[in-house]
Amino acid sequence: MALRTFIIVLVLLFLPLKSSEGQVVIPDRDHLLEWLKEKFGESRRVIAKVQTGHVLEIFVSPSGSWTVLITTPEGLSMLTSSGDAWQEFELEKVEKKKESNQETNEPKLDI
């Protein structure tokens, strides 16, 4: 996972901008999306608009790698995190897991 993040940052070195939170700001969003698809096989799986007007997108590959991208209302995109072992659960399955994890209130991953 650290190597993957390093590679993403290395590819984006031409851009020295960082947000105040330390996220990498992406000047060419379309180029990044193309690169995520070609290099990792990731495509957009989730898109949501948050209360601040930002758009949150999660890109996931069939192998389980994932990347989170947030775009501001002004159109600046920030690469906020990436990783592997992405898992999706059906709502029914999540409810059953919730009941079985009530004592600890901690999520359990099937890794």
C-alpha atoms as a PDB file:
ATOM      1  CA  MET A   1       0.000   0.000   0.000  1.00  0.00           C
ATOM      2  CA  ALA A   2       2.812   2.443   0.830  1.00  0.00           C
ATOM      3  CA  LEU A   3       4.463   1.673  -2.514  1.00  0.00           C
ATOM      4  CA  ARG A   4       1.214   2.394  -4.356  1.00  0.00           C
ATOM      5  CA  THR A   5       0.802   5.733  -2.601  1.00  0.00           C
ATOM      6  CA  PHE A   6       4.458   6.543  -3.316  1.00  0.00           C
ATOM      7  CA  ILE A   7       3.949   5.803  -7.025  1.00  0.00           C
ATOM      8  CA  ILE A   8       0.879   8.063  -7.168  1.00  0.00           C
ATOM      9  CA  VAL A   9       2.767  10.893  -5.497  1.00  0.00           C
ATOM     10  CA  LEU A  10       5.789  10.315  -7.734  1.00  0.00           C
ATOM     11  CA  VAL A  11       3.643  10.602 -10.852  1.00  0.00           C
ATOM     12  CA  LEU A  12       2.193  13.842  -9.514  1.00  0.00           C
ATOM     13  CA  LEU A  13       5.531  15.415  -8.598  1.00  0.00           C
ATOM     14  CA  PHE A  14       5.163  17.955 -11.350  1.00  0.00           C
ATOM     15  CA  LEU A  15       2.675  19.636  -9.034  1.00  0.00           C
ATOM     16  CA  PRO A  16       4.130  21.033  -5.809  1.00  0.00           C
ATOM     17  CA  LEU A  17       0.753  22.230  -4.485  1.00  0.00           C
ATOM     18  CA  LYS A  18      -0.680  20.810  -1.288  1.00  0.00           C
ATOM     19  CA  SER A  19      -3.880  21.661   0.501  1.00  0.00           C
ATOM     20  CA  SER A  20      -3.826  22.878   4.086  1.00  0.00           C
ATOM     21  CA  GLU A  21      -4.582  19.304   5.194  1.00  0.00           C
ATOM     22  CA  GLY A  22      -1.571  17.930   3.294  1.00  0.00           C
ATOM     23  CA  GLN A  23      -3.555  16.252   0.524  1.00  0.00           C
ATOM     24  CA  VAL A  24      -2.136  16.267  -2.997  1.00  0.00           C
ATOM     25  CA  VAL A  25      -3.978  18.748  -5.230  1.00  0.00           C
ATOM     26  CA  ILE A  26      -4.491  17.440  -8.769  1.00  0.00           C
ATOM     27  CA  PRO A  27      -4.307  19.985 -11.608  1.00  0.00           C
ATOM     28  CA  ASP A  28      -5.428  17.572 -14.347  1.00  0.00           C
ATOM     29  CA  ARG A  29      -8.210  15.425 -12.911  1.00  0.00           C
ATOM     30  CA  ASP A  30      -8.951  13.693 -16.216  1.00  0.00           C
ATOM     31  CA  HIS A  31      -5.311  12.614 -16.542  1.00  0.00           C
ATOM     32  CA  LEU A  32      -5.371  11.162 -13.009  1.00  0.00           C
ATOM     33  CA  LEU A  33      -8.578   9.204 -13.705  1.00  0.00           C
ATOM     34  CA  GLU A  34      -7.076   7.785 -16.896  1.00  0.00           C
ATOM     35  CA  TRP A  35      -3.896   6.846 -15.020  1.00  0.00           C
ATOM     36  CA  LEU A  36      -5.846   5.122 -12.201  1.00  0.00           C
ATOM     37  CA  LYS A  37      -7.719   3.067 -14.799  1.00  0.00           C
ATOM     38  CA  GLU A  38      -4.631   2.118 -16.819  1.00  0.00           C
ATOM     39  CA  LYS A  39      -2.230   1.486 -13.911  1.00  0.00           C
ATOM     40  CA  PHE A  40      -4.545  -0.067 -11.298  1.00  0.00           C
ATOM     41  CA  GLY A  41      -7.744  -0.904 -13.190  1.00  0.00           C
ATOM     42  CA  GLU A  42      -9.704   1.446 -10.924  1.00  0.00           C
ATOM     43  CA  SER A  43     -13.004   2.959 -11.948  1.00  0.00           C
ATOM     44  CA  ARG A  44     -15.440   5.132 -10.035  1.00  0.00           C
ATOM     45  CA  ARG A  45     -17.580   3.059  -7.694  1.00  0.00           C
ATOM     46  CA  VAL A  46     -18.951   5.766  -5.381  1.00  0.00           C
ATOM     47  CA  ILE A  47     -19.811   9.437  -5.831  1.00  0.00           C
ATOM     48  CA  ALA A  48     -21.441  11.623  -3.191  1.00  0.00           C
ATOM     49  CA  LYS A  49     -21.935  15.310  -2.541  1.00  0.00           C
ATOM     50  CA  VAL A  50     -21.182  16.314   1.037  1.00  0.00           C
ATOM     51  CA  GLN A  51     -22.785  19.194   2.952  1.00  0.00           C
ATOM     52  CA  THR A  52     -19.888  21.560   2.228  1.00  0.00           C
ATOM     53  CA  GLY A  53     -20.523  21.191  -1.510  1.00  0.00           C
ATOM     54  CA  HIS A  54     -17.449  19.005  -2.033  1.00  0.00           C
ATOM     55  CA  VAL A  55     -17.778  15.892  -4.176  1.00  0.00           C
ATOM     56  CA  LEU A  56     -16.316  12.654  -2.789  1.00  0.00           C
ATOM     57  CA  GLU A  57     -15.406   9.896  -5.247  1.00  0.00           C
ATOM     58  CA  ILE A  58     -14.047   6.435  -4.560  1.00  0.00           C
ATOM     59  CA  PHE A  59     -12.329   4.519  -7.345  1.00  0.00           C
ATOM     60  CA  VAL A  60     -11.985   0.749  -6.930  1.00  0.00           C
ATOM     61  CA  SER A  61     -10.321  -2.009  -8.952  1.00  0.00           C
ATOM     62  CA  PRO A  62     -11.442  -5.643  -9.261  1.00  0.00           C
ATOM     63  CA  SER A  63      -8.321  -6.608  -7.244  1.00  0.00           C
ATOM     64  CA  GLY A  64      -9.435  -4.410  -4.312  1.00  0.00           C
ATOM     65  CA  SER A  65      -7.164  -1.364  -4.648  1.00  0.00           C
ATOM     66  CA  TRP A  66      -8.961   1.925  -4.017  1.00  0.00           C
ATOM     67  CA  THR A  67      -8.409   5.686  -4.183  1.00  0.00           C
ATOM     68  CA  VAL A  68     -10.403   8.547  -2.626  1.00  0.00           C
ATOM     69  CA  LEU A  69     -10.642  11.820  -4.518  1.00  0.00           C
ATOM     70  CA  ILE A  70     -12.379  14.949  -3.211  1.00  0.00           C
ATOM     71  CA  THR A  71     -13.281  17.862  -5.480  1.00  0.00           C
ATOM     72  CA  THR A  72     -14.067  21.309  -4.087  1.00  0.00           C
ATOM     73  CA  PRO A  73     -16.953  23.470  -5.321  1.00  0.00           C
ATOM     74  CA  GLU A  74     -14.275  25.554  -7.090  1.00  0.00           C
ATOM     75  CA  GLY A  75     -13.162  22.505  -9.094  1.00  0.00           C
ATOM     76  CA  LEU A  76      -9.888  21.648  -7.295  1.00  0.00           C
ATOM     77  CA  SER A  77      -9.436  17.899  -6.874  1.00  0.00           C
ATOM     78  CA  MET A  78      -7.442  16.393  -4.004  1.00  0.00           C
ATOM     79  CA  LEU A  79      -6.129  12.857  -3.695  1.00  0.00           C
ATOM     80  CA  THR A  80      -6.869  12.127  -0.040  1.00  0.00           C
ATOM     81  CA  SER A  81      -6.069   8.443   0.434  1.00  0.00           C
ATOM     82  CA  SER A  82      -5.577   5.082  -1.248  1.00  0.00           C
ATOM     83  CA  GLY A  83      -5.241   1.489  -0.195  1.00  0.00           C
ATOM     84  CA  ASP A  84      -6.182  -2.100  -0.888  1.00  0.00           C
ATOM     85  CA  ALA A  85      -8.519  -4.850   0.375  1.00  0.00           C
ATOM     86  CA  TRP A  86     -11.683  -2.931  -0.597  1.00  0.00           C
ATOM     87  CA  GLN A  87     -14.774  -4.891   0.396  1.00  0.00           C
ATOM     88  CA  GLU A  88     -18.445  -4.320  -0.267  1.00  0.00           C
ATOM     89  CA  PHE A  89     -21.285  -5.733   1.766  1.00  0.00           C
ATOM     90  CA  GLU A  90     -24.922  -6.165   1.039  1.00  0.00           C
ATOM     91  CA  LEU A  91     -27.129  -4.183   3.397  1.00  0.00           C
ATOM     92  CA  GLU A  92     -28.471  -7.411   4.925  1.00  0.00           C
ATOM     93  CA  LYS A  93     -24.944  -8.648   5.626  1.00  0.00           C
ATOM     94  CA  VAL A  94     -23.984  -5.339   7.243  1.00  0.00           C
ATOM     95  CA  GLU A  95     -27.022  -5.493   9.538  1.00  0.00           C
ATOM     96  CA  LYS A  96     -26.097  -9.022  10.629  1.00  0.00           C
ATOM     97  CA  LYS A  97     -22.484  -7.959  11.265  1.00  0.00           C
ATOM     98  CA  LYS A  98     -23.720  -4.958  13.227  1.00  0.00           C
ATOM     99  CA  GLU A  99     -25.717  -7.221  15.530  1.00  0.00           C
ATOM    100  CA  SER A 100     -22.735  -9.541  16.065  1.00  0.00           C
ATOM    101  CA  ASN A 101     -20.365  -6.593  16.751  1.00  0.00           C
ATOM    102  CA  GLN A 102     -22.598  -4.647  19.150  1.00  0.00           C
ATOM    103  CA  GLU A 103     -20.416  -5.411  22.157  1.00  0.00           C
ATOM    104  CA  THR A 104     -17.263  -3.893  20.649  1.00  0.00           C
ATOM    105  CA  ASN A 105     -18.743  -1.363  18.174  1.00  0.00           C
ATOM    106  CA  GLU A 106     -15.695  -2.008  15.974  1.00  0.00           C
ATOM    107  CA  PRO A 107     -16.023  -2.980  12.301  1.00  0.00           C
ATOM    108  CA  LYS A 108     -14.700  -6.381  11.308  1.00  0.00           C
ATOM    109  CA  LEU A 109     -12.992  -6.865   7.940  1.00  0.00           C
ATOM    110  CA  ASP A 110     -13.010 -10.206   6.170  1.00  0.00           C
ATOM    111  CA  ILE A 111      -9.345 -10.078   5.173  1.00  0.00           C
END
